[in-house]
Amino acid sequence: MKSMFNLLFDYAVEHEIAMSNYARNFKLDKDVAQEKERNKKDVVPFTKEEIQKLWDDKDYGATDMVLISIYSGWRPQELAILSIDDIDLENDIMYGGLKTDAGKNRIVPIHPLIKPLIQKRYDEALKLQSPTLFFDEESQTGVSMTYDKYRSRFNKVMKRNKMTHRPHECRHTFITKAKEANVNEYVLKLIVGHAITDITEKVYTHRTIEELKEEMNKIQM
């Protein structure tokens, strides 16, 4: 709630509706912050056995979306709204991103393992004239996928496979697998949209797509 009011007052100050951001002028009570920490759930990556189980069931529902997320590192919201115009199958890259300056308009290589899944979705999206890679054929308000629709489908996949993960744990799994594969930390930050604080590396913005692909391909099943 505080985050929402922070943003509302940011907008109000920018448009001279309010003189000050009152929401940012106070801090949450210490007891509230402690309760928040107590209620925070641990982020648990998928195990190799769980990932293999998903591969074995890849043709069910949104299982392919879950696998694509695990091997690309998109945030759930970013994944749900990927445009087919931003999928370059010839060069094996995707464009997209939300949330932060570092996260926007970034390049994510298509991992070889998920290219067939993306190709299939891409072809189906074209047939349905869906502007997004993922879609909802049964929707009354348009075929495009939304985060809420994805989350609902994600939960069905988890229930079917007797798993208890949450959508953002796919991204956490990708980062974990990338670190285990010794993917270059700066390339990893570029792929997942994390800010780079190292001044020398920050000004080195011309890493080639081939470098990104080379590091991405270090990640194994």
Protein backbone atom coordinates (compact mmCIF):
# COMPACT_ATOMS: atom_id res chain seq x y z
CA MET A 1 0.00 0.00 0.00
CA LYS A 2 2.82 2.38 0.84
CA SER A 3 4.47 1.67 -2.52
CA MET A 4 1.22 2.49 -4.30
CA PHE A 5 0.85 5.79 -2.44
CA ASN A 6 4.51 6.61 -3.13
CA LEU A 7 3.79 6.35 -6.86
CA LEU A 8 0.49 8.22 -6.64
CA PHE A 9 2.14 11.16 -4.92
CA ASP A 10 5.07 11.06 -7.36
CA TYR A 11 2.51 11.60 -10.10
CA ALA A 12 0.70 14.29 -8.10
CA VAL A 13 3.89 16.25 -7.44
CA GLU A 14 4.99 15.97 -11.08
CA HIS A 15 1.66 17.42 -12.24
CA GLU A 16 1.56 20.02 -9.44
CA ILE A 17 -1.51 18.47 -7.82
CA ALA A 18 0.38 18.17 -4.53
CA MET A 19 3.35 20.16 -3.26
CA SER A 20 5.11 17.25 -1.58
CA ASN A 21 5.20 13.46 -1.63
CA TYR A 22 3.69 12.87 1.80
CA ALA A 23 3.85 9.09 1.37
CA ARG A 24 7.64 9.14 1.04
CA ASN A 25 7.97 11.47 4.01
CA PHE A 26 7.25 8.75 6.54
CA LYS A 27 8.65 5.31 7.23
CA LEU A 28 6.75 2.20 8.14
CA ASP A 29 6.60 1.44 11.83
CA LYS A 30 9.32 -0.93 13.00
CA ASP A 31 6.73 -3.52 14.08
CA VAL A 32 5.14 -3.45 10.61
CA ALA A 33 8.52 -3.95 8.95
CA GLN A 34 9.32 -6.86 11.24
CA GLU A 35 5.95 -8.48 10.56
CA LYS A 36 6.56 -8.07 6.83
CA GLU A 37 9.87 -9.92 7.17
CA ARG A 38 8.25 -12.70 9.19
CA ASN A 39 5.58 -13.19 6.55
CA LYS A 40 8.00 -13.12 3.64
CA LYS A 41 8.15 -16.48 1.90
CA ASP A 42 11.46 -18.00 0.90
CA VAL A 43 12.21 -18.00 -2.82
CA VAL A 44 12.84 -21.60 -3.86
CA PRO A 45 14.29 -22.46 -7.29
CA PHE A 46 13.05 -25.44 -9.26
CA THR A 47 15.13 -28.60 -8.83
CA LYS A 48 16.59 -30.51 -11.77
CA GLU A 49 14.06 -33.26 -11.14
CA GLU A 50 11.18 -30.77 -11.23
CA ILE A 51 12.45 -29.20 -14.44
CA GLN A 52 12.73 -32.62 -16.05
CA LYS A 53 9.16 -33.36 -14.97
CA LEU A 54 8.04 -30.19 -16.74
CA TRP A 55 9.89 -31.21 -19.90
CA ASP A 56 8.13 -34.56 -19.80
CA ASP A 57 4.80 -32.71 -19.63
CA LYS A 58 5.67 -29.79 -21.92
CA ASP A 59 2.56 -30.14 -24.10
CA TYR A 60 0.13 -29.54 -21.24
CA GLY A 61 -1.42 -26.09 -20.90
CA ALA A 62 1.08 -23.36 -20.01
CA THR A 63 3.91 -25.76 -19.15
CA ASP A 64 5.87 -24.45 -22.13
CA MET A 65 5.55 -20.90 -20.73
CA VAL A 66 7.00 -22.08 -17.43
CA LEU A 67 9.95 -23.71 -19.21
CA ILE A 68 10.54 -20.65 -21.38
CA SER A 69 10.62 -18.53 -18.24
CA ILE A 70 13.09 -20.87 -16.52
CA TYR A 71 15.47 -20.66 -19.49
CA SER A 72 15.19 -16.93 -20.20
CA GLY A 73 14.85 -15.10 -16.88
CA TRP A 74 11.93 -12.86 -17.84
CA ARG A 75 9.83 -11.44 -15.03
CA PRO A 76 6.33 -12.99 -15.11
CA GLN A 77 4.77 -9.73 -16.31
CA GLU A 78 7.42 -9.39 -19.01
CA LEU A 79 6.89 -12.94 -20.19
CA ALA A 80 3.11 -12.61 -20.45
CA ILE A 81 3.23 -9.57 -22.76
CA LEU A 82 6.10 -10.54 -25.07
CA SER A 83 5.24 -9.24 -28.53
CA ILE A 84 5.74 -11.47 -31.57
CA ASP A 85 7.35 -8.43 -33.21
CA ASP A 86 10.10 -8.69 -30.59
CA ILE A 87 10.86 -12.35 -31.29
CA ASP A 88 13.74 -12.73 -33.77
CA LEU A 89 13.91 -16.45 -34.56
CA GLU A 90 16.47 -15.93 -37.30
CA ASN A 91 19.00 -14.47 -34.88
CA ASP A 92 17.72 -16.37 -31.80
CA ILE A 93 17.02 -13.32 -29.66
CA MET A 94 14.08 -11.67 -27.90
CA TYR A 95 13.54 -8.04 -27.00
CA GLY A 96 11.50 -6.75 -24.07
CA GLY A 97 11.51 -5.78 -20.43
CA LEU A 98 9.73 -3.68 -17.84
CA LYS A 99 10.13 -2.09 -14.42
CA THR A 100 13.54 -0.38 -14.36
CA ASP A 101 15.81 1.49 -16.78
CA ALA A 102 18.18 -1.48 -16.70
CA GLY A 103 15.30 -3.87 -17.35
CA LYS A 104 13.69 -2.08 -20.29
CA ASN A 105 14.42 -2.78 -23.95
CA ARG A 106 16.92 -5.51 -23.24
CA ILE A 107 18.10 -8.37 -25.41
CA VAL A 108 17.59 -11.94 -24.20
CA PRO A 109 19.13 -14.76 -26.27
CA ILE A 110 16.84 -17.69 -27.02
CA HIS A 111 18.33 -20.73 -25.31
CA PRO A 112 18.56 -23.67 -27.77
CA LEU A 113 16.45 -25.88 -25.51
CA ILE A 114 13.42 -23.59 -25.66
CA LYS A 115 13.64 -22.51 -29.30
CA PRO A 116 11.22 -25.25 -30.47
CA LEU A 117 8.73 -24.13 -27.79
CA ILE A 118 8.99 -20.50 -28.88
CA GLN A 119 8.78 -21.45 -32.57
CA LYS A 120 5.56 -23.37 -31.94
CA ARG A 121 4.02 -20.51 -29.97
CA TYR A 122 5.14 -18.02 -32.62
CA ASP A 123 3.50 -19.97 -35.44
CA GLU A 124 0.27 -20.38 -33.47
CA ALA A 125 0.22 -16.67 -32.57
CA LEU A 126 0.50 -15.74 -36.23
CA LYS A 127 -2.44 -18.01 -37.12
CA LEU A 128 -4.56 -16.42 -34.40
CA GLN A 129 -3.36 -12.93 -35.31
CA SER A 130 -2.24 -12.52 -31.71
CA PRO A 131 0.05 -9.52 -31.15
CA THR A 132 1.70 -11.38 -28.27
CA LEU A 133 3.65 -14.63 -28.24
CA PHE A 134 1.35 -16.10 -25.60
CA PHE A 135 -2.40 -15.94 -26.00
CA ASP A 136 -5.78 -16.96 -24.67
CA GLU A 137 -7.95 -18.54 -27.37
CA GLU A 138 -11.02 -18.63 -25.11
CA SER A 139 -10.94 -14.99 -24.05
CA GLN A 140 -14.01 -12.83 -24.71
CA THR A 141 -11.95 -9.63 -24.61
CA GLY A 142 -9.06 -10.47 -26.96
CA VAL A 143 -6.51 -13.23 -27.32
CA SER A 144 -3.59 -11.47 -25.65
CA MET A 145 -2.21 -12.99 -22.46
CA THR A 146 -2.11 -11.06 -19.19
CA TYR A 147 -0.16 -11.67 -16.00
CA ASP A 148 -3.31 -12.72 -14.13
CA LYS A 149 -4.16 -15.25 -16.84
CA TYR A 150 -0.61 -16.56 -16.82
CA ARG A 151 -0.57 -16.88 -13.03
CA SER A 152 -3.80 -18.90 -13.15
CA ARG A 153 -2.36 -21.23 -15.78
CA PHE A 154 0.93 -21.45 -13.90
CA ASN A 155 -0.92 -22.60 -10.78
CA LYS A 156 -2.68 -25.31 -12.79
CA VAL A 157 0.67 -26.60 -14.02
CA MET A 158 2.01 -26.63 -10.46
CA LYS A 159 -1.05 -28.46 -9.14
CA ARG A 160 -0.87 -31.04 -11.91
CA ASN A 161 2.79 -31.73 -11.13
CA LYS A 162 2.37 -31.52 -7.34
CA MET A 163 4.71 -28.52 -7.05
CA THR A 164 4.36 -25.41 -4.88
CA HIS A 165 6.35 -22.79 -6.78
CA ARG A 166 5.31 -19.23 -7.62
CA PRO A 167 5.75 -17.56 -11.05
CA HIS A 168 8.74 -15.38 -10.09
CA GLU A 169 10.66 -18.45 -8.93
CA CYS A 170 11.22 -19.31 -12.60
CA ARG A 171 13.33 -16.16 -12.91
CA HIS A 172 15.14 -17.03 -9.69
CA THR A 173 15.82 -20.53 -11.09
CA PHE A 174 17.32 -19.02 -14.24
CA ILE A 175 19.64 -16.77 -12.24
CA THR A 176 20.65 -19.69 -10.01
CA LYS A 177 21.37 -21.95 -13.01
CA ALA A 178 23.34 -19.16 -14.71
CA LYS A 179 25.55 -18.65 -11.67
CA GLU A 180 26.12 -22.40 -11.36
CA ALA A 181 27.23 -22.39 -15.02
CA ASN A 182 29.64 -19.49 -14.33
CA VAL A 183 27.88 -17.14 -16.72
CA ASN A 184 29.70 -13.79 -16.77
CA GLU A 185 28.08 -11.69 -14.04
CA TYR A 186 27.80 -8.56 -16.17
CA VAL A 187 26.27 -10.47 -19.09
CA LEU A 188 23.82 -12.04 -16.63
CA LYS A 189 22.84 -8.60 -15.37
CA LEU A 190 22.26 -7.45 -18.95
CA ILE A 191 20.07 -10.48 -19.68
CA VAL A 192 17.91 -10.26 -16.56
CA GLY A 193 17.83 -6.46 -16.38
CA HIS A 194 19.74 -5.83 -13.16
CA ALA A 195 21.53 -2.52 -12.71
CA ILE A 196 25.30 -2.54 -13.18
CA THR A 197 27.12 -0.56 -10.50
CA ASP A 198 30.69 -1.12 -11.72
CA ILE A 199 31.57 2.15 -13.49
CA THR A 200 34.04 0.55 -15.91
CA GLU A 201 31.56 -2.12 -16.96
CA LYS A 202 28.63 0.30 -17.05
CA VAL A 203 30.20 2.37 -19.81
CA TYR A 204 31.01 -0.78 -21.77
CA THR A 205 27.60 -1.01 -23.42
CA HIS A 206 28.58 -2.63 -26.72
CA ARG A 207 28.65 -6.30 -25.72
CA THR A 208 27.73 -8.18 -28.88
CA ILE A 209 24.75 -10.45 -29.29
CA GLU A 210 27.17 -13.33 -29.90
CA GLU A 211 28.71 -12.73 -26.47
CA LEU A 212 25.27 -12.85 -24.87
CA LYS A 213 24.47 -16.08 -26.72
CA GLU A 214 27.77 -17.65 -25.77
CA GLU A 215 27.14 -17.02 -22.09
CA MET A 216 23.48 -18.09 -22.32
CA ASN A 217 24.48 -21.40 -23.91
CA LYS A 218 26.61 -22.27 -20.87
CA ILE A 219 23.35 -23.03 -19.04
CA GLN A 220 22.46 -26.71 -19.19
CA MET A 221 19.26 -28.55 -18.38
